[in-house]
């Protein structure tokens, strides 16, 4: 997400020296960015499952897709809208 913000800094309009900079929220949040992917080593799968449970409790229409990797597991948490994903990431420091 941070990489995308840096790429889109050209959309920042700093025309008011008293107000500071502002950015069009559409330049920061991609409306189609609804998938949060989290990878975990095999010894931390329980933590991964706790994150998934938090997402399911916080948002009603969360879809979860697990993928086994060579050294652990990966999970895609699919939110209804990009704002839900962003809120969840901020609340859980992800």
PDB file of N, CA and C in Angstrom:
ATOM      1  N   UNK A   1       0.816  -1.177   0.000  1.00  0.00           N
ATOM      2  CA  UNK A   1       0.000   0.000   0.000  1.00  0.00           C
ATOM      3  C   UNK A   1       0.869   1.253   0.000  1.00  0.00           C
ATOM      4  N   UNK A   2       1.907   1.284   0.811  1.00  0.00           N
ATOM      5  CA  UNK A   2       2.783   2.439   0.890  1.00  0.00           C
ATOM      6  C   UNK A   2       3.452   2.686  -0.457  1.00  0.00           C
ATOM      7  N   UNK A   3       3.845   1.622  -1.126  1.00  0.00           N
ATOM      8  CA  UNK A   3       4.484   1.755  -2.438  1.00  0.00           C
ATOM      9  C   UNK A   3       3.547   2.451  -3.411  1.00  0.00           C
ATOM     10  N   UNK A   4       2.259   2.083  -3.374  1.00  0.00           N
ATOM     11  CA  UNK A   4       1.281   2.691  -4.264  1.00  0.00           C
ATOM     12  C   UNK A   4       1.109   4.178  -3.949  1.00  0.00           C
ATOM     13  N   UNK A   5       1.125   4.530  -2.663  1.00  0.00           N
ATOM     14  CA  UNK A   5       0.999   5.937  -2.263  1.00  0.00           C
ATOM     15  C   UNK A   5       2.173   6.740  -2.792  1.00  0.00           C
ATOM     16  N   UNK A   6       3.375   6.185  -2.657  1.00  0.00           N
ATOM     17  CA  UNK A   6       4.563   6.877  -3.145  1.00  0.00           C
ATOM     18  C   UNK A   6       4.489   7.076  -4.655  1.00  0.00           C
ATOM     19  N   UNK A   7       4.019   6.066  -5.379  1.00  0.00           N
ATOM     20  CA  UNK A   7       3.890   6.163  -6.834  1.00  0.00           C
ATOM     21  C   UNK A   7       2.889   7.247  -7.232  1.00  0.00           C
ATOM     22  N   UNK A   8       1.892   7.479  -6.396  1.00  0.00           N
ATOM     23  CA  UNK A   8       0.831   8.402  -6.756  1.00  0.00           C
ATOM     24  C   UNK A   8       0.975   9.775  -6.108  1.00  0.00           C
ATOM     25  N   UNK A   9       2.150  10.091  -5.592  1.00  0.00           N
ATOM     26  CA  UNK A   9       2.351  11.374  -4.948  1.00  0.00           C
ATOM     27  C   UNK A   9       2.205  12.537  -5.919  1.00  0.00           C
ATOM     28  N   UNK A  10       2.282  12.256  -7.200  1.00  0.00           N
ATOM     29  CA  UNK A  10       2.065  13.302  -8.191  1.00  0.00           C
ATOM     30  C   UNK A  10       0.656  13.861  -8.143  1.00  0.00           C
ATOM     31  N   UNK A  11      -0.278  13.156  -7.491  1.00  0.00           N
ATOM     32  CA  UNK A  11      -1.656  13.619  -7.373  1.00  0.00           C
ATOM     33  C   UNK A  11      -1.873  14.535  -6.176  1.00  0.00           C
ATOM     34  N   UNK A  12      -0.828  14.804  -5.406  1.00  0.00           N
ATOM     35  CA  UNK A  12      -0.958  15.663  -4.232  1.00  0.00           C
ATOM     36  C   UNK A  12      -1.060  17.112  -4.682  1.00  0.00           C
ATOM     37  N   UNK A  13      -2.033  17.833  -4.141  1.00  0.00           N
ATOM     38  CA  UNK A  13      -2.258  19.231  -4.462  1.00  0.00           C
ATOM     39  C   UNK A  13      -1.940  20.057  -3.231  1.00  0.00           C
ATOM     40  N   UNK A  14      -0.853  20.790  -3.267  1.00  0.00           N
ATOM     41  CA  UNK A  14      -0.433  21.600  -2.122  1.00  0.00           C
ATOM     42  C   UNK A  14      -0.578  23.069  -2.487  1.00  0.00           C
ATOM     43  N   UNK A  15      -1.810  23.492  -2.713  1.00  0.00           N
ATOM     44  CA  UNK A  15      -2.051  24.860  -3.165  1.00  0.00           C
ATOM     45  C   UNK A  15      -2.364  25.825  -2.020  1.00  0.00           C
ATOM     46  N   UNK A  16      -2.478  25.339  -0.801  1.00  0.00           N
ATOM     47  CA  UNK A  16      -2.837  26.180   0.334  1.00  0.00           C
ATOM     48  C   UNK A  16      -1.755  26.080   1.397  1.00  0.00           C
ATOM     49  N   UNK A  17      -0.889  27.087   1.527  1.00  0.00           N
ATOM     50  CA  UNK A  17       0.198  26.986   2.503  1.00  0.00           C
ATOM     51  C   UNK A  17      -0.294  26.934   3.953  1.00  0.00           C
ATOM     52  N   UNK A  18      -1.460  27.492   4.224  1.00  0.00           N
ATOM     53  CA  UNK A  18      -2.000  27.446   5.582  1.00  0.00           C
ATOM     54  C   UNK A  18      -2.620  26.086   5.900  1.00  0.00           C
ATOM     55  N   UNK A  19      -3.167  25.404   4.886  1.00  0.00           N
ATOM     56  CA  UNK A  19      -3.891  24.144   5.108  1.00  0.00           C
ATOM     57  C   UNK A  19      -2.994  22.920   5.040  1.00  0.00           C
ATOM     58  N   UNK A  20      -1.894  23.003   4.355  1.00  0.00           N
ATOM     59  CA  UNK A  20      -1.051  21.825   4.153  1.00  0.00           C
ATOM     60  C   UNK A  20      -1.498  21.051   2.931  1.00  0.00           C
ATOM     61  N   UNK A  21      -0.950  19.900   2.754  1.00  0.00           N
ATOM     62  CA  UNK A  21      -1.248  19.074   1.585  1.00  0.00           C
ATOM     63  C   UNK A  21      -2.509  18.262   1.797  1.00  0.00           C
ATOM     64  N   UNK A  22      -3.172  17.957   0.711  1.00  0.00           N
ATOM     65  CA  UNK A  22      -4.279  17.019   0.738  1.00  0.00           C
ATOM     66  C   UNK A  22      -4.149  16.150  -0.489  1.00  0.00           C
ATOM     67  N   UNK A  23      -4.795  15.024  -0.459  1.00  0.00           N
ATOM     68  CA  UNK A  23      -4.711  14.103  -1.579  1.00  0.00           C
ATOM     69  C   UNK A  23      -6.113  13.582  -1.866  1.00  0.00           C
ATOM     70  N   UNK A  24      -6.393  13.360  -3.105  1.00  0.00           N
ATOM     71  CA  UNK A  24      -7.663  12.757  -3.484  1.00  0.00           C
ATOM     72  C   UNK A  24      -7.665  11.330  -2.958  1.00  0.00           C
ATOM     73  N   UNK A  25      -8.668  10.982  -2.175  1.00  0.00           N
ATOM     74  CA  UNK A  25      -8.691   9.661  -1.536  1.00  0.00           C
ATOM     75  C   UNK A  25      -8.641   8.538  -2.578  1.00  0.00           C
ATOM     76  N   UNK A  26      -9.139   8.789  -3.763  1.00  0.00           N
ATOM     77  CA  UNK A  26      -9.077   7.799  -4.833  1.00  0.00           C
ATOM     78  C   UNK A  26      -7.659   7.537  -5.309  1.00  0.00           C
ATOM     79  N   UNK A  27      -6.758   8.466  -5.032  1.00  0.00           N
ATOM     80  CA  UNK A  27      -5.362   8.273  -5.401  1.00  0.00           C
ATOM     81  C   UNK A  27      -4.651   7.375  -4.395  1.00  0.00           C
ATOM     82  N   UNK A  28      -5.211   7.239  -3.210  1.00  0.00           N
ATOM     83  CA  UNK A  28      -4.589   6.438  -2.159  1.00  0.00           C
ATOM     84  C   UNK A  28      -5.235   5.056  -2.067  1.00  0.00           C
ATOM     85  N   UNK A  29      -6.558   5.008  -2.169  1.00  0.00           N
ATOM     86  CA  UNK A  29      -7.289   3.752  -2.038  1.00  0.00           C
ATOM     87  C   UNK A  29      -7.749   3.298  -3.414  1.00  0.00           C
ATOM     88  N   UNK A  30      -7.284   2.151  -3.831  1.00  0.00           N
ATOM     89  CA  UNK A  30      -7.757   1.552  -5.077  1.00  0.00           C
ATOM     90  C   UNK A  30      -9.031   0.777  -4.747  1.00  0.00           C
ATOM     91  N   UNK A  31     -10.143   1.141  -5.368  1.00  0.00           N
ATOM     92  CA  UNK A  31     -11.428   0.529  -5.026  1.00  0.00           C
ATOM     93  C   UNK A  31     -11.451  -0.984  -5.236  1.00  0.00           C
ATOM     94  N   UNK A  32     -10.524  -1.517  -6.010  1.00  0.00           N
ATOM     95  CA  UNK A  32     -10.495  -2.954  -6.277  1.00  0.00           C
ATOM     96  C   UNK A  32      -9.489  -3.691  -5.383  1.00  0.00           C
ATOM     97  N   UNK A  33      -8.826  -2.962  -4.498  1.00  0.00           N
ATOM     98  CA  UNK A  33      -7.819  -3.564  -3.611  1.00  0.00           C
ATOM     99  C   UNK A  33      -8.496  -4.086  -2.345  1.00  0.00           C
ATOM    100  N   UNK A  34      -9.158  -5.220  -2.457  1.00  0.00           N
ATOM    101  CA  UNK A  34      -9.958  -5.792  -1.363  1.00  0.00           C
ATOM    102  C   UNK A  34      -9.348  -7.047  -0.765  1.00  0.00           C
ATOM    103  N   UNK A  35      -8.189  -7.460  -1.237  1.00  0.00           N
ATOM    104  CA  UNK A  35      -7.591  -8.719  -0.783  1.00  0.00           C
ATOM    105  C   UNK A  35      -6.357  -8.429   0.066  1.00  0.00           C
ATOM    106  N   UNK A  36      -6.395  -8.925   1.290  1.00  0.00           N
ATOM    107  CA  UNK A  36      -5.252  -8.831   2.194  1.00  0.00           C
ATOM    108  C   UNK A  36      -4.597 -10.206   2.247  1.00  0.00           C
ATOM    109  N   UNK A  37      -3.340 -10.290   1.837  1.00  0.00           N
ATOM    110  CA  UNK A  37      -2.604 -11.549   1.856  1.00  0.00           C
ATOM    111  C   UNK A  37      -1.614 -11.530   3.004  1.00  0.00           C
ATOM    112  N   UNK A  38      -1.686 -12.569   3.827  1.00  0.00           N
ATOM    113  CA  UNK A  38      -0.780 -12.692   4.966  1.00  0.00           C
ATOM    114  C   UNK A  38      -0.107 -14.055   4.881  1.00  0.00           C
ATOM    115  N   UNK A  39       1.220 -14.058   4.985  1.00  0.00           N
ATOM    116  CA  UNK A  39       1.985 -15.302   4.953  1.00  0.00           C
ATOM    117  C   UNK A  39       2.502 -15.593   6.348  1.00  0.00           C
ATOM    118  N   UNK A  40       2.551 -16.862   6.696  1.00  0.00           N
ATOM    119  CA  UNK A  40       2.990 -17.258   8.018  1.00  0.00           C
ATOM    120  C   UNK A  40       3.818 -18.530   7.946  1.00  0.00           C
ATOM    121  N   UNK A  41       4.801 -18.617   8.822  1.00  0.00           N
ATOM    122  CA  UNK A  41       5.575 -19.852   8.907  1.00  0.00           C
ATOM    123  C   UNK A  41       4.744 -20.901   9.628  1.00  0.00           C
ATOM    124  N   UNK A  42       5.149 -22.134   9.509  1.00  0.00           N
ATOM    125  CA  UNK A  42       4.363 -23.238  10.062  1.00  0.00           C
ATOM    126  C   UNK A  42       4.204 -23.148  11.580  1.00  0.00           C
ATOM    127  N   UNK A  43       5.131 -22.519  12.282  1.00  0.00           N
ATOM    128  CA  UNK A  43       5.028 -22.415  13.737  1.00  0.00           C
ATOM    129  C   UNK A  43       4.139 -21.249  14.191  1.00  0.00           C
ATOM    130  N   UNK A  44       3.632 -20.452  13.269  1.00  0.00           N
ATOM    131  CA  UNK A  44       2.794 -19.301  13.623  1.00  0.00           C
ATOM    132  C   UNK A  44       1.404 -19.381  13.000  1.00  0.00           C
ATOM    133  N   UNK A  45       0.969 -20.556  12.627  1.00  0.00           N
ATOM    134  CA  UNK A  45      -0.333 -20.724  11.980  1.00  0.00           C
ATOM    135  C   UNK A  45      -1.473 -20.332  12.917  1.00  0.00           C
ATOM    136  N   UNK A  46      -1.307 -20.561  14.200  1.00  0.00           N
ATOM    137  CA  UNK A  46      -2.350 -20.192  15.162  1.00  0.00           C
ATOM    138  C   UNK A  46      -2.580 -18.680  15.155  1.00  0.00           C
ATOM    139  N   UNK A  47      -1.513 -17.897  15.055  1.00  0.00           N
ATOM    140  CA  UNK A  47      -1.644 -16.438  14.966  1.00  0.00           C
ATOM    141  C   UNK A  47      -2.390 -16.044  13.698  1.00  0.00           C
ATOM    142  N   UNK A  48      -2.112 -16.731  12.613  1.00  0.00           N
ATOM    143  CA  UNK A  48      -2.797 -16.484  11.348  1.00  0.00           C
ATOM    144  C   UNK A  48      -4.296 -16.740  11.489  1.00  0.00           C
ATOM    145  N   UNK A  49      -4.650 -17.818  12.151  1.00  0.00           N
ATOM    146  CA  UNK A  49      -6.051 -18.153  12.363  1.00  0.00           C
ATOM    147  C   UNK A  49      -6.745 -17.123  13.260  1.00  0.00           C
ATOM    148  N   UNK A  50      -6.020 -16.559  14.222  1.00  0.00           N
ATOM    149  CA  UNK A  50      -6.582 -15.514  15.077  1.00  0.00           C
ATOM    150  C   UNK A  50      -6.890 -14.250  14.272  1.00  0.00           C
ATOM    151  N   UNK A  51      -6.021 -13.917  13.345  1.00  0.00           N
ATOM    152  CA  UNK A  51      -6.250 -12.754  12.484  1.00  0.00           C
ATOM    153  C   UNK A  51      -7.488 -12.977  11.620  1.00  0.00           C
ATOM    154  N   UNK A  52      -7.607 -14.183  11.073  1.00  0.00           N
ATOM    155  CA  UNK A  52      -8.773 -14.514  10.249  1.00  0.00           C
ATOM    156  C   UNK A  52     -10.053 -14.386  11.072  1.00  0.00           C
ATOM    157  N   UNK A  53     -10.042 -14.879  12.299  1.00  0.00           N
ATOM    158  CA  UNK A  53     -11.224 -14.784  13.161  1.00  0.00           C
ATOM    159  C   UNK A  53     -11.582 -13.340  13.466  1.00  0.00           C
ATOM    160  N   UNK A  54     -10.579 -12.499  13.700  1.00  0.00           N
ATOM    161  CA  UNK A  54     -10.831 -11.077  13.933  1.00  0.00           C
ATOM    162  C   UNK A  54     -11.519 -10.447  12.717  1.00  0.00           C
ATOM    163  N   UNK A  55     -11.040 -10.802  11.532  1.00  0.00           N
ATOM    164  CA  UNK A  55     -11.629 -10.250  10.307  1.00  0.00           C
ATOM    165  C   UNK A  55     -13.082 -10.682  10.156  1.00  0.00           C
ATOM    166  N   UNK A  56     -13.358 -11.955  10.434  1.00  0.00           N
ATOM    167  CA  UNK A  56     -14.719 -12.477  10.320  1.00  0.00           C
ATOM    168  C   UNK A  56     -15.650 -11.831  11.342  1.00  0.00           C
ATOM    169  N   UNK A  57     -15.143 -11.564  12.536  1.00  0.00           N
ATOM    170  CA  UNK A  57     -15.962 -10.933  13.568  1.00  0.00           C
ATOM    171  C   UNK A  57     -16.211  -9.464  13.264  1.00  0.00           C
ATOM    172  N   UNK A  58     -15.225  -8.800  12.687  1.00  0.00           N
ATOM    173  CA  UNK A  58     -15.321  -7.353  12.422  1.00  0.00           C
ATOM    174  C   UNK A  58     -16.193  -7.047  11.212  1.00  0.00           C
ATOM    175  N   UNK A  59     -16.087  -7.867  10.172  1.00  0.00           N
ATOM    176  CA  UNK A  59     -16.826  -7.630   8.923  1.00  0.00           C
ATOM    177  C   UNK A  59     -17.594  -8.892   8.543  1.00  0.00           C
ATOM    178  N   UNK A  60     -18.849  -8.727   8.185  1.00  0.00           N
ATOM    179  CA  UNK A  60     -19.745  -9.880   7.999  1.00  0.00           C
ATOM    180  C   UNK A  60     -19.498 -10.671   6.712  1.00  0.00           C
ATOM    181  N   UNK A  61     -19.036 -10.046   5.662  1.00  0.00           N
ATOM    182  CA  UNK A  61     -18.907 -10.739   4.367  1.00  0.00           C
ATOM    183  C   UNK A  61     -17.460 -10.986   3.971  1.00  0.00           C
ATOM    184  N   UNK A  62     -16.664 -11.473   4.901  1.00  0.00           N
ATOM    185  CA  UNK A  62     -15.257 -11.755   4.620  1.00  0.00           C
ATOM    186  C   UNK A  62     -15.130 -13.166   4.056  1.00  0.00           C
ATOM    187  N   UNK A  63     -14.378 -13.299   2.969  1.00  0.00           N
ATOM    188  CA  UNK A  63     -14.055 -14.619   2.416  1.00  0.00           C
ATOM    189  C   UNK A  63     -12.599 -14.919   2.727  1.00  0.00           C
ATOM    190  N   UNK A  64     -12.309 -16.183   2.989  1.00  0.00           N
ATOM    191  CA  UNK A  64     -10.952 -16.573   3.357  1.00  0.00           C
ATOM    192  C   UNK A  64     -10.501 -17.729   2.471  1.00  0.00           C
ATOM    193  N   UNK A  65      -9.288 -17.612   1.926  1.00  0.00           N
ATOM    194  CA  UNK A  65      -8.708 -18.655   1.082  1.00  0.00           C
ATOM    195  C   UNK A  65      -7.306 -18.982   1.592  1.00  0.00           C
ATOM    196  N   UNK A  66      -7.123 -20.214   2.052  1.00  0.00           N
ATOM    197  CA  UNK A  66      -5.819 -20.670   2.547  1.00  0.00           C
ATOM    198  C   UNK A  66      -5.035 -21.325   1.422  1.00  0.00           C
ATOM    199  N   UNK A  67      -3.720 -21.128   1.455  1.00  0.00           N
ATOM    200  CA  UNK A  67      -2.818 -21.789   0.526  1.00  0.00           C
ATOM    201  C   UNK A  67      -1.639 -22.322   1.328  1.00  0.00           C
ATOM    202  N   UNK A  68      -1.346 -23.603   1.166  1.00  0.00           N
ATOM    203  CA  UNK A  68      -0.191 -24.192   1.839  1.00  0.00           C
ATOM    204  C   UNK A  68       1.053 -23.874   1.023  1.00  0.00           C
ATOM    205  N   UNK A  69       2.075 -23.387   1.695  1.00  0.00           N
ATOM    206  CA  UNK A  69       3.347 -23.099   1.042  1.00  0.00           C
ATOM    207  C   UNK A  69       4.379 -24.073   1.578  1.00  0.00           C
ATOM    208  N   UNK A  70       5.545 -24.045   1.031  1.00  0.00           N
ATOM    209  CA  UNK A  70       6.585 -24.967   1.445  1.00  0.00           C
ATOM    210  C   UNK A  70       7.012 -24.806   2.895  1.00  0.00           C
ATOM    211  N   UNK A  71       6.974 -23.579   3.395  1.00  0.00           N
ATOM    212  CA  UNK A  71       7.445 -23.339   4.763  1.00  0.00           C
ATOM    213  C   UNK A  71       6.345 -22.847   5.702  1.00  0.00           C
ATOM    214  N   UNK A  72       5.099 -22.969   5.310  1.00  0.00           N
ATOM    215  CA  UNK A  72       4.010 -22.515   6.166  1.00  0.00           C
ATOM    216  C   UNK A  72       2.699 -22.420   5.431  1.00  0.00           C
ATOM    217  N   UNK A  73       2.029 -21.310   5.658  1.00  0.00           N
ATOM    218  CA  UNK A  73       0.721 -21.128   5.062  1.00  0.00           C
ATOM    219  C   UNK A  73       0.527 -19.663   4.692  1.00  0.00           C
ATOM    220  N   UNK A  74      -0.297 -19.454   3.698  1.00  0.00           N
ATOM    221  CA  UNK A  74      -0.654 -18.110   3.256  1.00  0.00           C
ATOM    222  C   UNK A  74      -2.175 -18.027   3.241  1.00  0.00           C
ATOM    223  N   UNK A  75      -2.697 -16.883   3.602  1.00  0.00           N
ATOM    224  CA  UNK A  75      -4.140 -16.699   3.596  1.00  0.00           C
ATOM    225  C   UNK A  75      -4.475 -15.398   2.870  1.00  0.00           C
ATOM    226  N   UNK A  76      -5.501 -15.466   2.034  1.00  0.00           N
ATOM    227  CA  UNK A  76      -6.061 -14.284   1.389  1.00  0.00           C
ATOM    228  C   UNK A  76      -7.375 -13.983   2.078  1.00  0.00           C
ATOM    229  N   UNK A  77      -7.479 -12.805   2.683  1.00  0.00           N
ATOM    230  CA  UNK A  77      -8.715 -12.365   3.302  1.00  0.00           C
ATOM    231  C   UNK A  77      -9.340 -11.372   2.339  1.00  0.00           C
ATOM    232  N   UNK A  78     -10.513 -11.718   1.825  1.00  0.00           N
ATOM    233  CA  UNK A  78     -11.179 -10.898   0.806  1.00  0.00           C
ATOM    234  C   UNK A  78     -12.303 -10.116   1.476  1.00  0.00           C
ATOM    235  N   UNK A  79     -12.197  -8.795   1.431  1.00  0.00           N
ATOM    236  CA  UNK A  79     -13.190  -7.906   2.007  1.00  0.00           C
ATOM    237  C   UNK A  79     -14.155  -7.430   0.929  1.00  0.00           C
ATOM    238  N   UNK A  80     -15.335  -6.958   1.340  1.00  0.00           N
ATOM    239  CA  UNK A  80     -16.322  -6.444   0.384  1.00  0.00           C
ATOM    240  C   UNK A  80     -15.815  -5.205  -0.349  1.00  0.00           C
ATOM    241  N   UNK A  81     -15.182  -4.312   0.397  1.00  0.00           N
ATOM    242  CA  UNK A  81     -14.693  -3.063  -0.193  1.00  0.00           C
ATOM    243  C   UNK A  81     -13.299  -2.755   0.339  1.00  0.00           C
ATOM    244  N   UNK A  82     -12.571  -1.939  -0.397  1.00  0.00           N
ATOM    245  CA  UNK A  82     -11.194  -1.618  -0.033  1.00  0.00           C
ATOM    246  C   UNK A  82     -11.104  -0.905   1.310  1.00  0.00           C
ATOM    247  N   UNK A  83     -12.098  -0.104   1.641  1.00  0.00           N
ATOM    248  CA  UNK A  83     -12.075   0.618   2.920  1.00  0.00           C
ATOM    249  C   UNK A  83     -12.087  -0.355   4.098  1.00  0.00           C
ATOM    250  N   UNK A  84     -12.822  -1.462   3.987  1.00  0.00           N
ATOM    251  CA  UNK A  84     -12.833  -2.461   5.056  1.00  0.00           C
ATOM    252  C   UNK A  84     -11.442  -3.049   5.249  1.00  0.00           C
ATOM    253  N   UNK A  85     -10.776  -3.326   4.146  1.00  0.00           N
ATOM    254  CA  UNK A  85      -9.416  -3.869   4.226  1.00  0.00           C
ATOM    255  C   UNK A  85      -8.502  -2.875   4.934  1.00  0.00           C
ATOM    256  N   UNK A  86      -8.580  -1.617   4.558  1.00  0.00           N
ATOM    257  CA  UNK A  86      -7.727  -0.590   5.140  1.00  0.00           C
ATOM    258  C   UNK A  86      -8.024  -0.419   6.638  1.00  0.00           C
ATOM    259  N   UNK A  87      -9.292  -0.405   7.005  1.00  0.00           N
ATOM    260  CA  UNK A  87      -9.675  -0.280   8.409  1.00  0.00           C
ATOM    261  C   UNK A  87      -9.113  -1.450   9.208  1.00  0.00           C
ATOM    262  N   UNK A  88      -9.264  -2.659   8.668  1.00  0.00           N
ATOM    263  CA  UNK A  88      -8.776  -3.851   9.355  1.00  0.00           C
ATOM    264  C   UNK A  88      -7.258  -3.797   9.526  1.00  0.00           C
ATOM    265  N   UNK A  89      -6.545  -3.379   8.506  1.00  0.00           N
ATOM    266  CA  UNK A  89      -5.097  -3.282   8.593  1.00  0.00           C
ATOM    267  C   UNK A  89      -4.676  -2.261   9.665  1.00  0.00           C
ATOM    268  N   UNK A  90      -5.364  -1.135   9.706  1.00  0.00           N
ATOM    269  CA  UNK A  90      -5.027  -0.118  10.689  1.00  0.00           C
ATOM    270  C   UNK A  90      -5.347  -0.581  12.112  1.00  0.00           C
ATOM    271  N   UNK A  91      -6.502  -1.201  12.291  1.00  0.00           N
ATOM    272  CA  UNK A  91      -6.899  -1.672  13.618  1.00  0.00           C
ATOM    273  C   UNK A  91      -5.961  -2.745  14.158  1.00  0.00           C
ATOM    274  N   UNK A  92      -5.409  -3.549  13.260  1.00  0.00           N
ATOM    275  CA  UNK A  92      -4.583  -4.690  13.671  1.00  0.00           C
ATOM    276  C   UNK A  92      -3.095  -4.503  13.373  1.00  0.00           C
ATOM    277  N   UNK A  93      -2.719  -3.299  12.993  1.00  0.00           N
ATOM    278  CA  UNK A  93      -1.339  -2.956  12.697  1.00  0.00           C
ATOM    279  C   UNK A  93      -0.691  -3.930  11.722  1.00  0.00           C
ATOM    280  N   UNK A  94      -1.379  -4.206  10.632  1.00  0.00           N
ATOM    281  CA  UNK A  94      -0.868  -5.124   9.602  1.00  0.00           C
ATOM    282  C   UNK A  94      -0.281  -4.357   8.440  1.00  0.00           C
TER     283      UNK A  94
END
